[in-house]
Protein backbone atom coordinates (compact mmCIF):
# COMPACT_ATOMS: atom_id res chain seq x y z
CA MET A 1 44.97 51.45 -12.75
CA THR A 2 46.68 54.80 -13.79
CA ASN A 3 47.95 57.25 -11.18
CA ASN A 4 47.28 59.81 -13.95
CA VAL A 5 45.25 63.10 -12.64
CA ARG A 6 42.08 63.37 -15.07
CA ILE A 7 40.63 66.79 -15.41
CA LEU A 8 37.53 67.70 -17.22
CA PHE A 9 37.32 71.11 -18.55
CA SER A 10 33.72 71.88 -19.55
CA GLU A 11 34.42 74.46 -22.52
CA SER A 12 36.86 74.29 -25.39
CA GLU A 13 40.45 73.84 -25.22
CA LYS A 14 41.50 77.18 -26.78
CA TYR A 15 39.82 79.14 -24.18
CA TYR A 16 41.97 77.73 -21.54
CA ARG A 17 45.14 77.68 -23.32
CA ASP A 18 44.36 81.26 -24.25
CA LEU A 19 44.40 82.24 -20.41
CA GLY A 20 48.02 80.44 -20.29
CA LEU A 21 47.30 76.83 -19.47
CA LYS A 22 49.94 74.14 -20.22
CA ASP A 23 50.13 70.72 -20.22
CA ILE A 24 51.00 69.28 -16.62
CA PRO A 25 53.18 65.83 -16.10
CA SER A 26 51.05 62.72 -15.31
CA THR A 27 47.75 64.84 -15.95
CA ILE A 28 45.19 64.18 -18.52
CA TYR A 29 42.94 67.01 -19.93
CA LYS A 30 39.50 66.48 -21.30
CA PHE A 31 37.83 69.40 -22.87
CA ASP A 32 34.28 70.27 -24.04
CA GLY A 33 32.99 68.73 -21.06
CA MET A 34 29.66 70.07 -21.08
CA ARG A 35 28.50 67.55 -23.21
CA TYR A 36 28.51 64.86 -20.37
CA TYR A 37 25.68 66.84 -18.38
CA ASN A 38 23.46 64.11 -18.46
CA LYS A 39 25.99 61.53 -17.68
CA PRO A 40 25.35 59.69 -14.04
CA THR A 41 27.07 60.89 -11.11
CA ASN A 42 29.29 57.80 -10.61
CA TRP A 43 30.36 57.95 -14.20
CA LEU A 44 31.81 61.26 -13.81
CA SER A 45 33.68 60.65 -10.46
CA ASN A 46 35.06 57.39 -11.61
CA ASN A 47 36.34 59.02 -14.71
CA PHE A 48 37.70 62.58 -13.68
CA ASP A 49 39.28 63.87 -10.62
CA LEU A 50 38.65 67.63 -11.10
CA PHE A 51 36.18 69.47 -12.95
CA VAL A 52 36.93 73.15 -14.15
CA CYS A 53 34.53 75.35 -15.79
CA PHE A 54 34.12 79.33 -16.52
CA MET A 55 30.79 79.87 -17.93
CA PHE A 56 28.47 80.67 -14.70
CA THR A 57 25.59 81.14 -16.91
CA LEU A 58 25.40 77.73 -18.83
CA PRO A 59 23.14 75.48 -16.67
CA HIS A 60 25.06 72.59 -17.93
CA ASN A 61 27.94 73.73 -15.79
CA SER A 62 25.74 73.98 -12.46
CA LEU A 63 24.40 70.31 -13.16
CA ILE A 64 27.71 69.00 -13.62
CA THR A 65 29.06 70.94 -10.45
CA SER A 66 26.20 69.71 -8.63
CA LYS A 67 27.02 66.05 -9.49
CA PHE A 68 30.69 66.23 -8.99
CA LYS A 69 30.17 67.76 -5.25
CA GLU A 70 27.84 64.84 -4.33
CA SER A 71 30.48 62.49 -5.28
CA GLY A 72 33.29 64.56 -3.54
CA VAL A 73 35.05 65.60 -6.46
CA PRO A 74 36.55 69.11 -6.29
CA THR A 75 35.02 71.78 -8.74
CA VAL A 76 36.60 74.90 -10.10
CA PHE A 77 35.59 78.05 -11.51
CA VAL A 78 37.83 80.22 -13.74
CA LEU A 79 37.50 84.22 -13.77
CA ASP A 80 39.47 85.18 -17.00
CA GLY A 81 39.84 88.82 -15.95
CA ILE A 82 38.73 91.48 -13.27
CA TYR A 83 35.35 90.99 -11.51
CA ASP A 84 33.11 93.67 -12.72
CA TYR A 85 29.74 94.58 -11.18
CA ALA A 86 28.22 96.11 -14.38
CA ASN A 87 29.27 93.26 -16.29
CA ALA A 88 28.01 90.71 -13.88
CA SER A 89 24.45 92.29 -13.95
CA LYS A 90 24.00 93.72 -17.31
CA ASN A 91 25.79 91.53 -19.60
CA ILE A 92 23.57 90.33 -22.28
CA MET A 93 23.80 86.49 -21.54
CA ASN A 94 23.45 87.08 -17.54
CA ALA A 95 20.37 89.17 -18.40
CA LYS A 96 19.15 86.44 -20.92
CA TYR A 97 19.42 83.85 -17.98
CA SER A 98 18.48 86.17 -15.03
CA ILE A 99 21.96 85.17 -13.30
CA SER A 100 24.58 87.46 -12.01
CA ILE A 101 27.88 86.35 -10.74
CA LEU A 102 27.19 88.39 -7.90
CA GLU A 103 24.55 85.65 -6.69
CA CYS A 104 26.68 82.99 -5.80
CA CYS A 105 29.98 80.80 -6.88
CA GLN A 106 28.84 77.29 -6.85
CA GLN A 107 31.86 75.75 -7.20
CA ASP A 108 34.63 74.92 -4.49
CA ILE A 109 37.56 76.70 -5.75
CA LEU A 110 37.66 80.11 -7.28
CA ILE A 111 40.56 80.97 -9.55
CA SER A 112 40.98 84.49 -10.23
CA VAL A 113 43.63 87.44 -10.23
CA ASP A 114 41.96 89.08 -7.41
CA TYR A 115 42.47 88.31 -3.94
CA ARG A 116 39.47 90.29 -2.61
CA LEU A 117 37.27 87.67 -4.28
CA GLU A 118 38.23 85.16 -1.69
CA LYS A 119 35.16 85.73 0.64
CA PHE A 120 33.10 87.85 -1.50
CA PHE A 121 30.90 85.22 -2.95
CA ASN A 122 30.98 82.31 -0.76
CA LYS A 123 32.86 82.24 2.84
CA LYS A 124 33.56 78.74 2.23
CA LEU A 125 34.97 79.35 -1.14
CA VAL A 126 39.01 78.49 -1.60
CA HIS A 127 40.39 81.18 -3.72
CA ILE A 128 43.67 80.78 -5.51
CA GLY A 129 45.42 83.44 -7.47
CA TYR A 130 46.67 83.61 -11.05
CA LEU A 131 47.81 85.99 -13.65
CA PRO A 132 45.79 85.32 -16.78
CA LYS A 133 47.89 85.42 -19.86
CA HIS A 134 46.31 88.41 -21.80
CA MET A 135 47.27 90.64 -18.46
CA LEU A 136 50.98 89.65 -19.01
CA ILE A 137 53.06 92.82 -19.41
CA ASN A 138 56.95 92.81 -20.01
CA ASN A 139 57.86 96.00 -18.53
CA SER A 140 56.18 95.65 -15.01
CA PHE A 141 57.38 98.19 -12.34
CA THR A 142 59.16 100.21 -14.89
CA GLU A 143 60.92 102.61 -12.68
CA ASP A 144 62.52 104.80 -15.22
CA ARG A 145 59.96 106.94 -17.21
CA ASP A 146 61.58 107.38 -20.48
CA ALA A 147 58.40 108.01 -22.39
CA LYS A 148 57.89 111.56 -22.97
CA SER A 149 55.01 113.17 -21.29
CA LYS A 150 51.75 112.32 -23.30
CA ILE A 151 48.64 110.36 -22.43
CA LEU A 152 46.89 107.76 -24.05
CA LEU A 153 43.34 107.51 -23.37
CA THR A 154 41.81 104.14 -24.02
CA THR A 155 38.63 101.59 -23.00
CA ALA A 156 37.83 98.19 -22.67
CA ASN A 157 36.56 96.37 -25.67
CA SER A 158 33.03 96.18 -24.20
CA ALA A 159 32.81 99.31 -22.16
CA TYR A 160 28.87 99.88 -22.15
CA PHE A 161 25.94 97.85 -22.28
CA ASP A 162 23.02 100.10 -23.01
CA ASP A 163 22.70 103.72 -24.71
CA GLU A 164 22.79 105.38 -21.50
CA GLU A 165 26.05 103.79 -20.67
CA TYR A 166 27.44 104.88 -24.13
CA ASN A 167 26.15 108.57 -23.96
CA ASN A 168 27.70 108.89 -20.46
CA LEU A 169 31.01 107.31 -21.54
CA LEU A 170 31.17 109.27 -24.82
CA GLU A 171 30.32 112.61 -22.69
CA ILE A 172 33.38 111.81 -20.22
CA ILE A 173 35.65 111.07 -23.29
CA ASN A 174 34.96 114.38 -25.14
CA LEU A 175 35.02 116.33 -21.63
CA SER A 176 38.54 114.62 -21.07
CA LEU A 177 39.71 115.50 -24.71
CA SER A 178 38.13 119.12 -24.25
CA SER A 179 40.65 119.67 -21.04
CA PHE A 180 43.48 118.19 -22.88
CA GLU A 181 43.25 120.71 -25.85
CA GLU A 182 42.58 123.37 -23.49
CA ARG A 183 46.04 123.07 -21.73
CA GLY A 184 47.77 121.80 -24.95
CA ILE A 185 48.37 118.50 -23.53
CA ASP A 186 49.91 115.86 -26.02
CA TYR A 187 47.55 112.64 -26.20
CA ASP A 188 46.40 109.87 -28.69
CA VAL A 189 43.46 107.52 -27.98
CA ARG A 190 43.18 103.63 -28.42
CA ILE A 191 39.90 103.03 -29.11
CA PHE A 192 38.64 99.87 -31.17
CA ASP A 193 35.04 100.69 -30.82
CA LYS A 194 33.92 102.36 -34.10
CA ARG A 195 31.12 103.83 -32.76
CA ILE A 196 33.03 105.90 -30.26
CA ILE A 197 35.45 107.15 -32.93
CA ASP A 198 32.81 107.96 -35.38
CA ASP A 199 30.86 109.93 -32.55
CA LEU A 200 33.51 112.09 -30.84
CA ASP A 201 33.55 115.68 -31.23
CA SER A 202 34.78 116.39 -34.82
CA LYS A 203 36.94 119.17 -33.62
CA TYR A 204 39.66 116.85 -32.24
CA GLN A 205 42.45 115.57 -34.55
CA ILE A 206 42.29 111.82 -33.03
CA ASN A 207 45.28 110.01 -33.48
CA ASN A 208 43.75 106.38 -32.95
CA VAL A 209 46.62 103.73 -32.00
CA ILE A 210 45.40 100.59 -32.66
CA ASP A 211 48.00 98.87 -34.96
CA CYS A 212 49.75 97.45 -32.13
CA ASN A 213 49.42 95.37 -29.06
CA PHE A 214 48.82 97.17 -25.94
CA ASP A 215 52.36 95.89 -24.16
CA SER A 216 54.53 97.81 -27.10
CA VAL A 217 52.06 100.96 -26.97
CA LEU A 218 51.99 101.32 -22.94
CA ASN A 219 55.69 101.96 -23.18
CA LYS A 220 55.23 104.96 -25.47
CA TYR A 221 53.04 106.85 -22.88
CA SER A 222 53.61 108.53 -19.88
CA HIS A 223 50.08 108.54 -18.31
CA ILE A 224 47.10 106.38 -19.01
CA VAL A 225 43.29 107.17 -18.92
CA THR A 226 41.28 104.33 -19.06
CA THR A 227 37.80 102.71 -18.25
CA PRO A 228 37.84 100.55 -15.30
CA SER A 229 39.19 97.16 -16.56
CA SER A 230 42.08 94.99 -16.62
CA ILE A 231 43.90 97.56 -18.65
CA ALA A 232 43.83 99.98 -15.47
CA ILE A 233 45.63 97.14 -13.67
CA SER A 234 48.21 96.70 -16.29
CA ALA A 235 48.94 100.28 -16.41
CA MET A 236 49.55 100.70 -12.75
CA ARG A 237 51.61 97.55 -12.87
CA SER A 238 53.82 99.38 -15.19
CA ASN A 239 54.19 102.22 -12.88
CA LYS A 240 52.10 104.58 -14.64
CA PRO A 241 49.77 107.21 -13.37
CA VAL A 242 46.27 106.13 -14.39
CA ALA A 243 42.97 108.04 -14.16
CA LEU A 244 39.50 106.12 -14.53
CA LEU A 245 36.97 107.29 -16.64
CA LEU A 246 33.79 106.94 -14.43
CA TYR A 247 30.25 106.93 -16.39
CA ARG A 248 28.24 104.25 -14.41
CA ASN A 249 25.85 104.28 -11.47
CA GLU A 250 26.98 100.97 -10.49
CA PRO A 251 29.99 100.16 -7.91
CA THR A 252 33.17 99.72 -9.52
CA PHE A 253 35.87 97.14 -8.14
CA ILE A 254 39.01 98.83 -9.71
CA SER A 255 40.55 101.97 -8.18
CA SER A 256 43.43 103.90 -9.35
CA GLY A 257 45.30 107.24 -8.21
CA TRP A 258 42.67 109.64 -10.02
CA SER A 259 39.17 109.58 -11.43
CA PHE A 260 37.37 111.47 -14.31
CA LEU A 261 33.71 111.94 -13.54
CA SER A 262 33.00 115.21 -14.59
CA LYS A 263 34.52 118.38 -16.14
CA ASN A 264 35.27 119.60 -12.99
CA THR A 265 36.85 116.56 -11.37
CA ILE A 266 38.92 116.09 -14.62
CA ASP A 267 40.26 120.02 -14.57
CA SER A 268 41.18 119.57 -10.36
CA SER A 269 42.94 116.29 -11.42
CA LEU A 270 45.26 117.24 -14.16
CA LYS A 271 47.51 119.23 -12.28
CA SER A 272 48.59 116.41 -9.80
CA PHE A 273 48.08 113.94 -12.45
CA LEU A 274 50.42 115.34 -14.79
CA ALA A 275 52.98 115.92 -11.72
CA ILE A 276 52.46 112.14 -11.03
CA ASP A 277 51.73 113.09 -7.48
CA GLU A 278 53.90 110.60 -5.44
CA SER A 279 51.02 109.98 -2.63
CA ARG A 280 48.57 108.81 -5.47
CA MET A 281 51.21 106.83 -6.90
CA ILE A 282 51.86 104.88 -3.42
CA TYR A 283 48.21 104.18 -3.28
CA GLN A 284 48.26 102.61 -6.70
CA LYS A 285 51.00 100.54 -5.83
CA ARG A 286 49.39 99.36 -2.36
CA PHE A 287 46.48 98.76 -4.41
CA LEU A 288 47.96 96.21 -6.61
CA SER A 289 48.80 94.35 -3.61
CA ASN A 290 45.20 92.78 -3.94
CA PHE A 291 46.10 91.06 -7.25
CA GLU A 292 48.19 87.83 -8.17
CA PHE A 293 51.32 88.78 -10.69
CA GLU A 294 53.27 85.65 -10.47
CA ARG A 295 51.37 82.51 -10.49
CA ASP A 296 49.82 81.15 -14.09
CA LEU A 297 46.72 79.31 -14.88
CA THR A 298 48.81 75.99 -15.07
CA SER A 299 50.21 76.42 -11.50
CA ALA A 300 46.90 77.40 -10.37
CA ILE A 301 45.05 74.19 -11.35
CA SER A 302 48.06 71.89 -9.99
CA ASP A 303 47.43 73.68 -6.77
CA SER A 304 43.77 72.87 -7.14
CA ILE A 305 44.62 69.41 -7.27
CA ALA A 306 46.87 69.11 -4.44
CA LEU A 307 44.19 70.67 -2.13
CA ASP A 308 42.33 67.90 0.13
CA PHE A 309 38.77 68.43 0.37
CA GLN A 310 36.96 66.66 3.51
CA ARG A 311 33.69 68.69 3.62
CA ASP A 312 30.06 68.58 3.34
CA ARG A 313 29.36 68.59 -0.63
CA ARG A 314 25.58 69.72 -0.07
CA PRO A 315 24.82 73.36 -1.28
CA SER A 316 26.11 75.54 1.53
CA SER A 317 23.62 78.47 1.53
CA ILE A 318 20.15 79.51 0.32
CA GLU A 319 21.89 81.64 -2.35
CA GLU A 320 23.56 78.66 -3.83
CA TYR A 321 20.22 76.40 -3.70
CA SER A 322 18.39 79.54 -5.36
CA PHE A 323 21.09 79.39 -8.19
CA VAL A 324 21.22 75.89 -8.64
CA ASN A 325 17.19 75.97 -9.25
CA LYS A 326 17.49 78.88 -11.37
CA ASN A 327 19.97 77.24 -13.61
CA TYR A 328 17.91 73.85 -13.67
CA ARG A 329 14.89 75.87 -14.93
CA ASN A 330 16.89 77.90 -17.41
CA MET A 331 18.19 74.45 -18.89
CA LEU A 332 14.23 73.11 -18.89
CA ASP A 333 13.07 76.58 -20.57
CA SER A 334 15.66 76.61 -23.39
CA LYS A 335 14.59 76.66 -26.73
CA PHE A 336 17.27 73.74 -27.58
CA ASN A 337 15.71 71.55 -25.27
CA PHE A 338 13.90 69.15 -26.91
CA ASN A 339 11.38 66.82 -25.39
CA PHE A 340 12.43 63.55 -26.83
CA GLU A 341 10.56 61.28 -24.63
CA PHE A 342 7.22 63.31 -25.23
CA PHE A 343 7.93 63.15 -28.97
CA ILE A 344 8.63 59.29 -28.91
CA ARG A 345 5.40 58.91 -26.72
CA ASN A 346 3.23 60.82 -29.00
CA LEU A 347 4.78 58.89 -32.10
CA TYR A 348 3.80 55.68 -30.53
CA LEU A 349 0.23 56.48 -29.61
CA LYS A 350 0.09 57.47 -33.17
CA ILE A 351 1.44 54.34 -34.68
CA LYS A 352 -0.76 52.29 -32.32
CA ARG A 353 -3.82 54.15 -33.47
CA ASN A 354 -2.99 53.50 -37.38
CA SER A 355 -5.31 51.06 -38.76
CA PHE A 356 -2.74 49.44 -40.89
CA VAL A 357 -0.65 48.47 -37.82
CA LYS A 358 -3.69 47.03 -36.21
CA VAL A 359 -4.28 44.60 -39.21
CA ILE A 360 -0.22 43.67 -39.12
CA LYS A 361 -0.89 43.33 -35.10
CA LYS A 362 -3.88 40.77 -36.15
CA ILE A 363 -1.96 38.54 -38.69
CA ILE A 364 1.10 38.55 -36.41
CA ARG A 365 -1.08 37.15 -33.48
């Protein structure tokens, strides 16, 4: 009998390593666990002590989670960044499966950077904070602002989900650059989306800084303008004044000291933004208290192992029942779901009716 803790991760090893997962003494990791979705409940519970997943749209994860919960094995959902309503509802995969993370978190434990999510999805959910590796920065809360006064305007890698959002984003970027130009404000952009760069007003002499990582770029600028994303959190943590480009009609889960919504709001915000208004910087610092910046994923997984779960394992709400049932239907409706039993039965009947087979059967008898 082994005393090792056995953890089943549903997805590939690379994903979790990229988030910062390291080996834990006396702990065995098994990755790509989604392939065990059709294993019996007792087989899963006999072989693993914890189940971890991150793809909430994957029906396999819902099915495996249900099996583990039935047998009393703790289940964990890992969020890899900042929760975003638009992404949760309009992401192409979410739309494909008609599922939004807003509906429910089926697992027992949620591991994320944002403590506000603790009661956001499920009142019985246990939340453990962690800082994803990609949000690490080396100059957190730097007090001396040795960078010259210069704005960096940047966007998330996936900053829009349809043409309407794209046009709104392009408009607010152009309006921002126009206000910078009118006032002779020094700025650069950091935009990896070629479509945006190509469609920006040609009158701007764009310097697109994409040849180095964000950590090193951040030190070169005094002010950051960005779309709502983890970029804003990292910038505020580096004690930079941050303005958010707001271009969606959906709610945003991120806040900062300044917001750019229109030409008027940009123009009225720039004075205090450039002056680094102290009260707004205090607001940013207080907003950051909602987030975890010390514990890494390995520590969060260790804390999950240490939790004692003695509770009702059944779905705890109508929302969870609905979420689970929708996932099961998605699995059955998938074009990759091949009805092998029907194929075998059909083949058997065809063989049974075959005249040659009938002759062979008579000879055998």
